Amino acid sequence: MTASPSALHLWIRGRVQGVGFRAFTRTRACELGLSGWVRNLADGRVEAWAVGDPAALEAWRDSLSEGPRFAVVEQVEARSEPATKPATETSAKEAFRVLR
């Protein structure tokens, strides 16, 4: 039996821009079968949102807590959300996207 999809909204702080963090986020999400998006914020953080299996979302969050090789993750703020929450940038049925 498969768990109901849920969504996870993350804000990652540290040295996370200019180090391949968005590409890493997308790659890991695709490996885990998640849909969603990731983008840089003007304040230096990275924001990401994904929908999928709760266990996959937890594994994704754990991966982003480490980040790619040259990143330094200082903090990950996470908020669980209903999978039905509309995302303005993408729908849950689209592939995971890197937003500019």
N, C-alpha and C. Protein backbone atom coordinates (compact mmCIF):
# COMPACT_ATOMS: atom_id res chain seq x y z
N MET A 1 0.84 -1.18 0.00
CA MET A 1 0.00 0.00 0.00
C MET A 1 0.88 1.24 0.00
N THR A 2 0.58 2.20 -0.89
CA THR A 2 1.35 3.42 -1.03
C THR A 2 0.74 4.52 -0.18
N ALA A 3 1.60 5.31 0.45
CA ALA A 3 1.12 6.43 1.26
C ALA A 3 0.56 7.52 0.36
N SER A 4 -0.38 8.30 0.89
CA SER A 4 -0.93 9.42 0.14
C SER A 4 0.16 10.46 -0.10
N PRO A 5 0.14 11.08 -1.27
CA PRO A 5 1.15 12.11 -1.53
C PRO A 5 1.01 13.27 -0.57
N SER A 6 2.11 13.86 -0.24
CA SER A 6 2.10 15.08 0.55
C SER A 6 3.12 16.03 -0.07
N ALA A 7 3.22 17.23 0.47
CA ALA A 7 4.13 18.22 -0.07
C ALA A 7 5.04 18.74 1.03
N LEU A 8 6.21 19.20 0.62
CA LEU A 8 7.20 19.74 1.55
C LEU A 8 7.78 21.02 0.95
N HIS A 9 7.76 22.08 1.74
CA HIS A 9 8.28 23.38 1.33
C HIS A 9 9.53 23.65 2.18
N LEU A 10 10.66 23.91 1.52
CA LEU A 10 11.93 24.08 2.22
C LEU A 10 12.57 25.42 1.89
N TRP A 11 13.26 25.97 2.88
CA TRP A 11 14.11 27.15 2.70
C TRP A 11 15.48 26.77 3.27
N ILE A 12 16.51 26.84 2.44
CA ILE A 12 17.84 26.39 2.81
C ILE A 12 18.77 27.60 2.89
N ARG A 13 19.45 27.72 4.02
CA ARG A 13 20.36 28.85 4.27
C ARG A 13 21.79 28.35 4.38
N GLY A 14 22.73 29.15 3.92
CA GLY A 14 24.15 28.84 3.99
C GLY A 14 24.81 29.24 2.68
N ARG A 15 25.91 28.58 2.36
CA ARG A 15 26.53 28.80 1.04
C ARG A 15 25.84 27.84 0.07
N VAL A 16 24.72 28.30 -0.47
CA VAL A 16 23.87 27.43 -1.28
C VAL A 16 23.58 28.01 -2.67
N GLN A 17 24.15 29.16 -2.98
CA GLN A 17 24.00 29.72 -4.32
C GLN A 17 25.38 29.75 -4.98
N GLY A 18 25.41 29.40 -6.27
CA GLY A 18 26.68 29.38 -7.00
C GLY A 18 27.50 28.12 -6.78
N VAL A 19 26.89 27.10 -6.20
CA VAL A 19 27.62 25.85 -5.91
C VAL A 19 26.89 24.63 -6.47
N GLY A 20 25.94 24.84 -7.37
CA GLY A 20 25.21 23.73 -7.98
C GLY A 20 24.08 23.19 -7.12
N PHE A 21 23.62 23.98 -6.17
CA PHE A 21 22.60 23.48 -5.24
C PHE A 21 21.26 23.22 -5.93
N ARG A 22 20.84 24.12 -6.82
CA ARG A 22 19.55 23.91 -7.50
C ARG A 22 19.58 22.66 -8.38
N ALA A 23 20.67 22.47 -9.11
CA ALA A 23 20.79 21.27 -9.95
C ALA A 23 20.80 20.01 -9.10
N PHE A 24 21.51 20.05 -7.97
CA PHE A 24 21.55 18.93 -7.03
C PHE A 24 20.14 18.62 -6.51
N THR A 25 19.40 19.68 -6.17
CA THR A 25 18.05 19.54 -5.65
C THR A 25 17.15 18.86 -6.68
N ARG A 26 17.24 19.31 -7.92
CA ARG A 26 16.43 18.74 -9.00
C ARG A 26 16.80 17.28 -9.25
N THR A 27 18.09 16.99 -9.35
CA THR A 27 18.55 15.63 -9.61
C THR A 27 18.04 14.68 -8.53
N ARG A 28 18.20 15.08 -7.28
CA ARG A 28 17.78 14.22 -6.17
C ARG A 28 16.26 14.03 -6.17
N ALA A 29 15.52 15.10 -6.45
CA ALA A 29 14.06 15.00 -6.52
C ALA A 29 13.63 14.03 -7.62
N CYS A 30 14.26 14.11 -8.78
CA CYS A 30 13.92 13.22 -9.89
C CYS A 30 14.25 11.77 -9.54
N GLU A 31 15.38 11.55 -8.87
CA GLU A 31 15.74 10.19 -8.44
C GLU A 31 14.70 9.60 -7.51
N LEU A 32 14.08 10.46 -6.72
CA LEU A 32 13.10 10.02 -5.72
C LEU A 32 11.67 10.05 -6.25
N GLY A 33 11.48 10.46 -7.50
CA GLY A 33 10.15 10.48 -8.09
C GLY A 33 9.28 11.64 -7.64
N LEU A 34 9.90 12.75 -7.25
CA LEU A 34 9.17 13.91 -6.77
C LEU A 34 8.93 14.91 -7.90
N SER A 35 7.88 15.69 -7.78
CA SER A 35 7.60 16.80 -8.68
C SER A 35 7.67 18.08 -7.88
N GLY A 36 8.02 19.19 -8.54
CA GLY A 36 8.05 20.46 -7.83
C GLY A 36 8.98 21.45 -8.49
N TRP A 37 9.59 22.30 -7.67
CA TRP A 37 10.46 23.34 -8.19
C TRP A 37 11.49 23.77 -7.14
N VAL A 38 12.52 24.48 -7.62
CA VAL A 38 13.56 25.05 -6.75
C VAL A 38 13.98 26.38 -7.36
N ARG A 39 14.31 27.35 -6.50
CA ARG A 39 14.78 28.65 -6.99
C ARG A 39 15.67 29.32 -5.95
N ASN A 40 16.52 30.23 -6.45
CA ASN A 40 17.33 31.08 -5.59
C ASN A 40 16.46 32.24 -5.11
N LEU A 41 16.71 32.69 -3.89
CA LEU A 41 16.05 33.86 -3.35
C LEU A 41 17.05 35.01 -3.27
N ALA A 42 16.56 36.24 -3.31
CA ALA A 42 17.42 37.42 -3.28
C ALA A 42 18.24 37.52 -2.00
N ASP A 43 17.76 36.93 -0.92
CA ASP A 43 18.48 37.01 0.37
C ASP A 43 19.57 35.96 0.52
N GLY A 44 19.85 35.18 -0.55
CA GLY A 44 20.92 34.19 -0.52
C GLY A 44 20.47 32.78 -0.20
N ARG A 45 19.21 32.61 0.18
CA ARG A 45 18.70 31.27 0.45
C ARG A 45 18.24 30.60 -0.84
N VAL A 46 17.98 29.30 -0.75
CA VAL A 46 17.34 28.55 -1.81
C VAL A 46 15.99 28.10 -1.27
N GLU A 47 14.96 28.22 -2.10
CA GLU A 47 13.62 27.78 -1.74
C GLU A 47 13.25 26.61 -2.65
N ALA A 48 12.65 25.58 -2.08
CA ALA A 48 12.26 24.41 -2.86
C ALA A 48 10.92 23.90 -2.38
N TRP A 49 10.14 23.36 -3.31
CA TRP A 49 8.84 22.79 -2.99
C TRP A 49 8.69 21.50 -3.79
N ALA A 50 8.22 20.45 -3.15
CA ALA A 50 8.04 19.17 -3.85
C ALA A 50 6.81 18.45 -3.32
N VAL A 51 6.28 17.61 -4.18
CA VAL A 51 5.13 16.78 -3.81
C VAL A 51 5.46 15.34 -4.19
N GLY A 52 5.03 14.40 -3.35
CA GLY A 52 5.27 12.99 -3.62
C GLY A 52 5.07 12.14 -2.38
N ASP A 53 5.63 10.95 -2.42
CA ASP A 53 5.54 10.01 -1.32
C ASP A 53 6.23 10.60 -0.07
N PRO A 54 5.60 10.52 1.10
CA PRO A 54 6.20 11.08 2.31
C PRO A 54 7.61 10.57 2.61
N ALA A 55 7.87 9.30 2.39
CA ALA A 55 9.21 8.76 2.65
C ALA A 55 10.23 9.36 1.68
N ALA A 56 9.82 9.55 0.43
CA ALA A 56 10.71 10.17 -0.57
C ALA A 56 10.98 11.62 -0.20
N LEU A 57 9.97 12.32 0.28
CA LEU A 57 10.16 13.71 0.71
C LEU A 57 11.14 13.80 1.87
N GLU A 58 11.06 12.87 2.80
CA GLU A 58 11.98 12.86 3.94
C GLU A 58 13.42 12.60 3.47
N ALA A 59 13.59 11.67 2.53
CA ALA A 59 14.92 11.39 1.98
C ALA A 59 15.46 12.61 1.24
N TRP A 60 14.58 13.31 0.52
CA TRP A 60 14.96 14.53 -0.20
C TRP A 60 15.43 15.60 0.78
N ARG A 61 14.66 15.79 1.84
CA ARG A 61 15.05 16.77 2.87
C ARG A 61 16.41 16.42 3.48
N ASP A 62 16.61 15.15 3.78
CA ASP A 62 17.90 14.72 4.33
C ASP A 62 19.05 15.03 3.37
N SER A 63 18.83 14.78 2.08
CA SER A 63 19.85 15.06 1.07
C SER A 63 20.17 16.54 1.00
N LEU A 64 19.13 17.37 1.06
CA LEU A 64 19.35 18.82 0.97
C LEU A 64 19.99 19.36 2.23
N SER A 65 19.86 18.67 3.34
CA SER A 65 20.55 19.08 4.57
C SER A 65 22.06 18.94 4.43
N GLU A 66 22.48 18.03 3.55
CA GLU A 66 23.91 17.85 3.25
C GLU A 66 24.33 18.72 2.08
N GLY A 67 23.52 18.71 1.01
CA GLY A 67 23.82 19.50 -0.18
C GLY A 67 24.92 18.89 -1.03
N PRO A 68 25.23 19.56 -2.16
CA PRO A 68 26.30 19.09 -3.02
C PRO A 68 27.68 19.38 -2.39
N ARG A 69 28.69 18.89 -3.02
CA ARG A 69 30.06 18.93 -2.49
C ARG A 69 30.52 20.30 -1.99
N PHE A 70 30.28 21.36 -2.75
CA PHE A 70 30.83 22.67 -2.39
C PHE A 70 29.86 23.55 -1.59
N ALA A 71 28.71 23.04 -1.27
CA ALA A 71 27.74 23.79 -0.48
C ALA A 71 28.06 23.66 1.01
N VAL A 72 27.63 24.65 1.75
CA VAL A 72 27.69 24.60 3.22
C VAL A 72 26.28 24.95 3.70
N VAL A 73 25.55 23.94 4.13
CA VAL A 73 24.18 24.14 4.59
C VAL A 73 24.21 24.46 6.08
N GLU A 74 23.68 25.63 6.41
CA GLU A 74 23.63 26.06 7.81
C GLU A 74 22.29 25.76 8.46
N GLN A 75 21.21 25.86 7.66
CA GLN A 75 19.88 25.65 8.23
C GLN A 75 18.91 25.24 7.13
N VAL A 76 18.01 24.33 7.48
CA VAL A 76 16.91 23.96 6.59
C VAL A 76 15.62 24.17 7.36
N GLU A 77 14.82 25.10 6.87
CA GLU A 77 13.50 25.34 7.44
C GLU A 77 12.51 24.57 6.58
N ALA A 78 11.67 23.78 7.20
CA ALA A 78 10.74 22.93 6.46
C ALA A 78 9.32 23.12 6.95
N ARG A 79 8.40 23.06 5.99
CA ARG A 79 6.98 23.12 6.32
C ARG A 79 6.24 22.08 5.49
N SER A 80 5.57 21.16 6.14
CA SER A 80 4.73 20.18 5.44
C SER A 80 3.45 20.87 5.02
N GLU A 81 2.99 20.51 3.83
CA GLU A 81 1.78 21.12 3.28
C GLU A 81 0.93 20.04 2.63
N PRO A 82 -0.35 20.29 2.47
CA PRO A 82 -1.19 19.33 1.76
C PRO A 82 -0.74 19.23 0.30
N ALA A 83 -0.81 18.05 -0.25
CA ALA A 83 -0.40 17.84 -1.64
C ALA A 83 -1.31 18.59 -2.59
N THR A 84 -2.48 18.96 -2.15
CA THR A 84 -3.43 19.66 -3.02
C THR A 84 -3.14 21.15 -3.10
N LYS A 85 -2.17 21.65 -2.32
CA LYS A 85 -1.86 23.07 -2.35
C LYS A 85 -1.41 23.47 -3.75
N PRO A 86 -2.04 24.45 -4.36
CA PRO A 86 -1.60 24.86 -5.70
C PRO A 86 -0.27 25.60 -5.63
N ALA A 87 0.63 25.28 -6.51
CA ALA A 87 1.90 25.99 -6.61
C ALA A 87 1.79 26.94 -7.79
N THR A 88 2.16 28.17 -7.60
CA THR A 88 2.01 29.14 -8.67
C THR A 88 2.99 28.88 -9.81
N GLU A 89 4.14 28.33 -9.52
CA GLU A 89 5.16 28.14 -10.54
C GLU A 89 5.02 26.84 -11.33
N THR A 90 4.44 25.81 -10.75
CA THR A 90 4.34 24.53 -11.42
C THR A 90 3.20 23.72 -10.81
N SER A 91 2.70 22.77 -11.52
CA SER A 91 1.70 21.87 -10.95
C SER A 91 2.38 20.59 -10.52
N ALA A 92 1.73 19.84 -9.66
CA ALA A 92 2.32 18.61 -9.13
C ALA A 92 2.52 17.57 -10.21
N LYS A 93 1.84 17.71 -11.35
CA LYS A 93 1.97 16.72 -12.42
C LYS A 93 3.14 16.98 -13.36
N GLU A 94 3.78 18.14 -13.24
CA GLU A 94 4.93 18.44 -14.08
C GLU A 94 6.20 17.91 -13.44
N ALA A 95 7.22 17.81 -14.23
CA ALA A 95 8.52 17.37 -13.72
C ALA A 95 9.09 18.43 -12.77
N PHE A 96 10.10 18.06 -12.06
CA PHE A 96 10.75 18.98 -11.15
C PHE A 96 11.51 20.03 -11.96
N ARG A 97 11.30 21.30 -11.64
CA ARG A 97 11.89 22.39 -12.42
C ARG A 97 12.80 23.29 -11.60
N VAL A 98 13.84 23.79 -12.26
CA VAL A 98 14.68 24.82 -11.71
C VAL A 98 14.15 26.14 -12.23
N LEU A 99 13.71 27.00 -11.34
CA LEU A 99 13.17 28.30 -11.73
C LEU A 99 14.27 29.35 -11.70
N ARG A 100 14.17 30.31 -12.57
CA ARG A 100 15.16 31.38 -12.64
C ARG A 100 14.64 32.63 -11.97
